[in-house]
């Protein structure tokens, strides 16, 4: 149980910086600059970047340009899921860790967006609804794939009685 909890905590922390690794740390530096004036808004920026991989847009109209645009975002979620799944150890626990990292990030994104007075209704209605759902589905896909692979690579979980 402790390995699962540690894997989830490490996954949530890693998800805040994983996308910045693929974009020359510019999003993280921008969030740090923003945190100097409003810490919650900087954290919301990092959490919003986690859901910017629009899987629906990629699958509806597949092109190489979209694949090149979205592949760093998907890779960041796969790496995050992989690390949390490896720490959790075991395919089942890796899957659970990958899904919970995405769910906790989603809940933190909503919670801190409310504290930062960001209009969340604009993200969940009209044309932005498909983009928001695509971002959530993309994060789930990356987290699940990474968690399953990481948990399977780490080997089965052994219980000591």
Protein backbone atom coordinates (compact mmCIF):
# COMPACT_ATOMS: atom_id res chain seq x y z
CA UNK A 1 0.00 0.00 0.00
CA UNK A 2 2.85 2.37 0.82
CA UNK A 3 4.45 1.82 -2.60
CA UNK A 4 1.17 2.74 -4.29
CA UNK A 5 0.80 5.94 -2.27
CA UNK A 6 4.42 6.96 -2.89
CA UNK A 7 4.00 6.19 -6.61
CA UNK A 8 0.91 8.41 -6.80
CA UNK A 9 2.59 11.28 -4.93
CA UNK A 10 5.69 11.10 -7.12
CA UNK A 11 3.47 10.91 -10.22
CA UNK A 12 1.51 14.03 -9.25
CA UNK A 13 4.69 15.99 -8.53
CA UNK A 14 6.34 14.75 -11.73
CA UNK A 15 3.30 15.66 -13.80
CA UNK A 16 3.80 19.31 -12.86
CA UNK A 17 7.21 19.43 -14.53
CA UNK A 18 7.11 16.61 -17.09
CA UNK A 19 5.60 18.66 -19.91
CA UNK A 20 8.17 21.39 -19.37
CA UNK A 21 10.96 18.89 -20.02
CA UNK A 22 9.87 18.61 -23.64
CA UNK A 23 9.46 22.35 -24.22
CA UNK A 24 12.89 23.55 -23.00
CA UNK A 25 11.53 24.32 -19.52
CA UNK A 26 9.73 27.42 -20.84
CA UNK A 27 6.30 26.53 -19.31
CA UNK A 28 7.89 25.93 -15.91
CA UNK A 29 9.85 29.19 -16.04
CA UNK A 30 6.70 31.05 -17.08
CA UNK A 31 4.78 29.48 -14.19
CA UNK A 32 7.56 30.39 -11.75
CA UNK A 33 7.48 34.00 -12.98
CA UNK A 34 3.70 34.00 -12.60
CA UNK A 35 3.94 32.50 -9.11
CA UNK A 36 5.84 35.55 -7.89
CA UNK A 37 2.73 37.69 -8.29
CA UNK A 38 0.00 35.02 -7.89
CA UNK A 39 1.11 31.55 -6.70
CA UNK A 40 -2.23 29.88 -7.34
CA UNK A 41 -2.40 31.14 -10.92
CA UNK A 42 1.09 29.75 -11.63
CA UNK A 43 0.05 26.37 -10.28
CA UNK A 44 -3.12 26.47 -12.39
CA UNK A 45 -0.96 27.10 -15.46
CA UNK A 46 1.11 23.98 -14.76
CA UNK A 47 -2.02 21.91 -14.13
CA UNK A 48 -3.69 23.24 -17.29
CA UNK A 49 -0.71 22.17 -19.38
CA UNK A 50 -1.28 18.59 -18.19
CA UNK A 51 -4.55 18.48 -20.11
CA UNK A 52 -3.42 20.12 -23.33
CA UNK A 53 -2.97 16.88 -25.31
CA UNK A 54 -6.22 16.81 -27.30
CA UNK A 55 -6.65 13.12 -28.16
CA UNK A 56 -9.97 13.69 -29.89
CA UNK A 57 -8.45 16.25 -32.25
CA UNK A 58 -5.57 13.90 -33.03
CA UNK A 59 -7.80 10.91 -33.77
CA UNK A 60 -10.52 12.80 -35.66
CA UNK A 61 -8.22 14.38 -38.22
CA UNK A 62 -4.89 12.56 -38.10
CA UNK A 63 -1.92 14.34 -39.67
CA UNK A 64 1.81 14.37 -39.08
CA UNK A 65 1.69 18.01 -37.96
CA UNK A 66 -0.75 17.15 -35.19
CA UNK A 67 1.28 14.10 -34.23
CA UNK A 68 4.43 16.22 -33.92
CA UNK A 69 2.53 18.82 -31.90
CA UNK A 70 0.92 16.35 -29.50
CA UNK A 71 3.67 13.73 -29.14
CA UNK A 72 5.63 15.61 -26.42
CA UNK A 73 2.44 16.01 -24.39
CA UNK A 74 1.60 12.32 -24.73
CA UNK A 75 5.19 11.34 -23.94
CA UNK A 76 5.10 13.43 -20.77
CA UNK A 77 2.01 11.56 -19.53
CA UNK A 78 3.47 8.18 -20.50
CA UNK A 79 6.66 8.97 -18.57
CA UNK A 80 4.66 10.17 -15.58
CA UNK A 81 2.54 7.00 -15.62
CA UNK A 82 5.63 4.86 -16.13
CA UNK A 83 7.45 6.30 -13.13
CA UNK A 84 4.40 6.03 -10.86
CA UNK A 85 3.71 2.48 -12.11
CA UNK A 86 7.31 1.44 -11.56
CA UNK A 87 7.23 2.71 -8.00
CA UNK A 88 3.86 1.04 -7.34
CA UNK A 89 5.21 -2.26 -8.80
CA UNK A 90 2.86 -4.69 -10.51
CA UNK A 91 0.65 -4.22 -13.58
CA UNK A 92 -2.56 -3.85 -11.57
CA UNK A 93 -1.06 -1.37 -9.13
CA UNK A 94 0.62 0.47 -12.00
CA UNK A 95 -2.75 0.85 -13.72
CA UNK A 96 -4.31 2.11 -10.50
CA UNK A 97 -1.43 4.55 -9.94
CA UNK A 98 -1.61 5.87 -13.51
CA UNK A 99 -5.36 6.48 -13.32
CA UNK A 100 -5.20 8.05 -9.85
CA UNK A 101 -2.43 10.44 -10.90
CA UNK A 102 -4.65 11.71 -13.73
CA UNK A 103 -7.72 11.95 -11.49
CA UNK A 104 -5.84 13.78 -8.73
CA UNK A 105 -4.39 16.21 -11.30
CA UNK A 106 -7.87 16.82 -12.69
CA UNK A 107 -9.29 17.48 -9.23
CA UNK A 108 -6.38 19.78 -8.34
CA UNK A 109 -6.85 21.63 -11.63
CA UNK A 110 -10.53 22.22 -10.89
CA UNK A 111 -9.90 23.14 -7.25
CA UNK A 112 -7.10 25.62 -7.91
CA UNK A 113 -8.97 27.09 -10.88
CA UNK A 114 -11.84 27.89 -8.53
CA UNK A 115 -9.41 29.53 -6.08
CA UNK A 116 -7.82 31.53 -8.92
CA UNK A 117 -11.28 32.71 -10.08
CA UNK A 118 -10.95 31.15 -13.53
CA UNK A 119 -14.21 30.57 -15.37
CA UNK A 120 -14.39 26.77 -15.62
CA UNK A 121 -17.79 26.82 -17.28
CA UNK A 122 -16.20 28.25 -20.40
CA UNK A 123 -14.03 25.12 -20.61
CA UNK A 124 -16.95 22.72 -20.28
CA UNK A 125 -19.42 24.19 -22.77
CA UNK A 126 -19.61 25.03 -26.46
CA UNK A 127 -16.62 24.54 -28.69
CA UNK A 128 -14.18 24.28 -25.78
CA UNK A 129 -15.96 21.16 -24.45
CA UNK A 130 -14.44 18.89 -27.11
CA UNK A 131 -10.97 20.30 -26.48
CA UNK A 132 -11.31 19.88 -22.71
CA UNK A 133 -12.64 16.32 -23.01
CA UNK A 134 -9.92 15.52 -25.52
CA UNK A 135 -7.31 16.76 -23.07
CA UNK A 136 -8.74 14.66 -20.26
CA UNK A 137 -8.97 11.56 -22.49
CA UNK A 138 -5.41 12.15 -23.70
CA UNK A 139 -4.14 12.34 -20.14
CA UNK A 140 -5.98 9.14 -19.22
CA UNK A 141 -4.54 7.32 -22.25
CA UNK A 142 -0.99 8.40 -21.41
CA UNK A 143 -1.36 7.68 -17.70
CA UNK A 144 -2.87 4.24 -18.25
CA UNK A 145 -0.34 3.16 -20.87
CA UNK A 146 2.58 4.43 -18.80
CA UNK A 147 1.24 2.93 -15.58
CA UNK A 148 0.63 -0.49 -17.14
CA UNK A 149 4.05 -0.62 -18.78
CA UNK A 150 5.86 0.69 -15.71
CA UNK A 151 4.07 -1.70 -13.39
CA UNK A 152 4.65 -4.69 -15.68
CA UNK A 153 8.35 -3.87 -16.12
CA UNK A 154 8.89 -3.53 -12.37
CA UNK A 155 7.62 -7.07 -11.86
CA UNK A 156 4.87 -8.53 -9.72
CA UNK A 157 4.06 -7.04 -6.37
CA UNK A 158 5.09 -9.29 -3.51
CA UNK A 159 3.22 -9.27 -0.25
CA UNK A 160 5.18 -10.22 2.83
CA UNK A 161 3.15 -11.71 5.65
